[in-house]
Amino acid sequence: MNKRIHAFYSGRVQGVGFRFTAESIAKGLGLTGWVKNLDAGNVEVVAEGDKDALEDFLERIKEYFSHYIRNMDLEWGEASGEFKDFGIEL
């Protein structure tokens, strides 16, 4: 059963390649969803896939951007299956 994460990252997370790195990691793990910058300076991520892959995604993002992330709000849910791939939303 696939799961869904909805996360908000804050800190210095814009202008450091966060969206492109998140997209690359997600695609490599077979996740679907999107990542986008928000006007408030934080980044929003919605991703669906296997629970282990989602946990791996979160850990890789944390490791890669540990110097930039100040806080992360995370919500888990059931996957909707609405996404075909993972991309960057504008």
C-alpha atoms as a PDB file:
ATOM      1  CA  MET A   1       0.000   0.000   0.000  1.00  0.00           C
ATOM      2  CA  ASN A   2       1.463   3.331  -1.080  1.00  0.00           C
ATOM      3  CA  LYS A   3       1.661   6.307   1.235  1.00  0.00           C
ATOM      4  CA  ARG A   4       1.746  10.070   0.811  1.00  0.00           C
ATOM      5  CA  ILE A   5       3.848  12.726   2.500  1.00  0.00           C
ATOM      6  CA  HIS A   6       3.104  16.443   2.600  1.00  0.00           C
ATOM      7  CA  ALA A   7       6.078  18.398   3.901  1.00  0.00           C
ATOM      8  CA  PHE A   8       7.042  22.024   4.391  1.00  0.00           C
ATOM      9  CA  TYR A   9      10.737  22.863   4.730  1.00  0.00           C
ATOM     10  CA  SER A  10      11.879  26.202   6.132  1.00  0.00           C
ATOM     11  CA  GLY A  11      15.259  27.811   6.566  1.00  0.00           C
ATOM     12  CA  ARG A  12      17.540  28.778   3.699  1.00  0.00           C
ATOM     13  CA  VAL A  13      15.889  26.303   1.347  1.00  0.00           C
ATOM     14  CA  GLN A  14      15.404  28.485  -1.725  1.00  0.00           C
ATOM     15  CA  GLY A  15      18.256  29.256  -4.093  1.00  0.00           C
ATOM     16  CA  VAL A  16      20.317  26.232  -3.018  1.00  0.00           C
ATOM     17  CA  GLY A  17      19.098  23.643  -5.566  1.00  0.00           C
ATOM     18  CA  PHE A  18      16.520  22.154  -3.217  1.00  0.00           C
ATOM     19  CA  ARG A  19      13.787  21.611  -5.823  1.00  0.00           C
ATOM     20  CA  PHE A  20      16.095  20.121  -8.431  1.00  0.00           C
ATOM     21  CA  THR A  21      17.750  17.817  -5.911  1.00  0.00           C
ATOM     22  CA  ALA A  22      14.383  16.728  -4.475  1.00  0.00           C
ATOM     23  CA  GLU A  23      13.127  15.989  -7.990  1.00  0.00           C
ATOM     24  CA  SER A  24      16.212  13.922  -8.812  1.00  0.00           C
ATOM     25  CA  ILE A  25      16.030  11.933  -5.565  1.00  0.00           C
ATOM     26  CA  ALA A  26      12.287  11.335  -5.925  1.00  0.00           C
ATOM     27  CA  LYS A  27      12.571  10.158  -9.529  1.00  0.00           C
ATOM     28  CA  GLY A  28      15.444   7.849  -8.585  1.00  0.00           C
ATOM     29  CA  LEU A  29      13.261   6.269  -5.895  1.00  0.00           C
ATOM     30  CA  GLY A  30      10.224   5.928  -8.177  1.00  0.00           C
ATOM     31  CA  LEU A  31       8.140   8.473  -6.269  1.00  0.00           C
ATOM     32  CA  THR A  32       5.455  10.680  -7.771  1.00  0.00           C
ATOM     33  CA  GLY A  33       4.314  14.161  -6.782  1.00  0.00           C
ATOM     34  CA  TRP A  34       5.833  17.627  -6.833  1.00  0.00           C
ATOM     35  CA  VAL A  35       8.030  20.190  -5.104  1.00  0.00           C
ATOM     36  CA  LYS A  36       7.647  23.969  -5.211  1.00  0.00           C
ATOM     37  CA  ASN A  37       8.928  27.198  -3.695  1.00  0.00           C
ATOM     38  CA  LEU A  38       6.433  29.220  -1.666  1.00  0.00           C
ATOM     39  CA  ASP A  39       6.274  33.002  -1.419  1.00  0.00           C
ATOM     40  CA  ALA A  40       7.060  32.845   2.315  1.00  0.00           C
ATOM     41  CA  GLY A  41      10.537  31.465   1.508  1.00  0.00           C
ATOM     42  CA  ASN A  42       9.853  27.836   2.361  1.00  0.00           C
ATOM     43  CA  VAL A  43       9.499  24.771   0.131  1.00  0.00           C
ATOM     44  CA  GLU A  44       6.482  22.461  -0.121  1.00  0.00           C
ATOM     45  CA  VAL A  45       6.729  18.800  -1.123  1.00  0.00           C
ATOM     46  CA  VAL A  46       3.973  16.305  -1.886  1.00  0.00           C
ATOM     47  CA  ALA A  47       5.207  12.813  -2.693  1.00  0.00           C
ATOM     48  CA  GLU A  48       3.626   9.393  -3.033  1.00  0.00           C
ATOM     49  CA  GLY A  49       5.085   5.920  -3.196  1.00  0.00           C
ATOM     50  CA  ASP A  50       6.300   3.008  -1.149  1.00  0.00           C
ATOM     51  CA  LYS A  51       6.691   3.886   2.547  1.00  0.00           C
ATOM     52  CA  ASP A  52      10.345   2.790   2.612  1.00  0.00           C
ATOM     53  CA  ALA A  53      11.110   4.887  -0.477  1.00  0.00           C
ATOM     54  CA  LEU A  54       9.420   7.909   1.106  1.00  0.00           C
ATOM     55  CA  GLU A  55      11.441   7.460   4.293  1.00  0.00           C
ATOM     56  CA  ASP A  56      14.613   7.161   2.181  1.00  0.00           C
ATOM     57  CA  PHE A  57      13.633  10.351   0.327  1.00  0.00           C
ATOM     58  CA  LEU A  58      13.145  12.260   3.590  1.00  0.00           C
ATOM     59  CA  GLU A  59      16.473  11.028   4.965  1.00  0.00           C
ATOM     60  CA  ARG A  60      18.380  11.960   1.803  1.00  0.00           C
ATOM     61  CA  ILE A  61      16.861  15.445   1.760  1.00  0.00           C
ATOM     62  CA  LYS A  62      17.747  15.854   5.439  1.00  0.00           C
ATOM     63  CA  GLU A  63      21.347  14.736   4.866  1.00  0.00           C
ATOM     64  CA  TYR A  64      21.876  16.788   1.717  1.00  0.00           C
ATOM     65  CA  PHE A  65      20.387  20.022   3.072  1.00  0.00           C
ATOM     66  CA  SER A  66      21.110  19.706   6.792  1.00  0.00           C
ATOM     67  CA  HIS A  67      22.948  23.056   6.804  1.00  0.00           C
ATOM     68  CA  TYR A  68      20.004  24.822   5.164  1.00  0.00           C
ATOM     69  CA  ILE A  69      16.908  23.293   6.775  1.00  0.00           C
ATOM     70  CA  ARG A  70      15.784  24.983   9.987  1.00  0.00           C
ATOM     71  CA  ASN A  71      12.479  23.151  10.355  1.00  0.00           C
ATOM     72  CA  MET A  72      10.349  20.558   8.600  1.00  0.00           C
ATOM     73  CA  ASP A  73       6.630  19.981   9.135  1.00  0.00           C
ATOM     74  CA  LEU A  74       5.533  16.557   7.915  1.00  0.00           C
ATOM     75  CA  GLU A  75       2.167  14.892   7.503  1.00  0.00           C
ATOM     76  CA  TRP A  76       1.662  11.263   6.422  1.00  0.00           C
ATOM     77  CA  GLY A  77      -1.432  10.007   4.640  1.00  0.00           C
ATOM     78  CA  GLU A  78      -2.757   7.503   2.158  1.00  0.00           C
ATOM     79  CA  ALA A  79      -1.696   7.865  -1.466  1.00  0.00           C
ATOM     80  CA  SER A  80      -4.281   9.253  -3.871  1.00  0.00           C
ATOM     81  CA  GLY A  81      -2.624   7.916  -7.021  1.00  0.00           C
ATOM     82  CA  GLU A  82      -3.232  11.246  -8.753  1.00  0.00           C
ATOM     83  CA  PHE A  83       0.344  11.776  -9.988  1.00  0.00           C
ATOM     84  CA  LYS A  84       2.038  10.204 -12.999  1.00  0.00           C
ATOM     85  CA  ASP A  85       5.575  11.341 -12.169  1.00  0.00           C
ATOM     86  CA  PHE A  86       7.517  13.761  -9.964  1.00  0.00           C
ATOM     87  CA  GLY A  87       8.140  17.341 -11.032  1.00  0.00           C
ATOM     88  CA  ILE A  88       8.819  20.906 -10.067  1.00  0.00           C
ATOM     89  CA  GLU A  89       5.744  23.103  -9.747  1.00  0.00           C
ATOM     90  CA  LEU A  90       6.037  26.813 -10.413  1.00  0.00           C
END
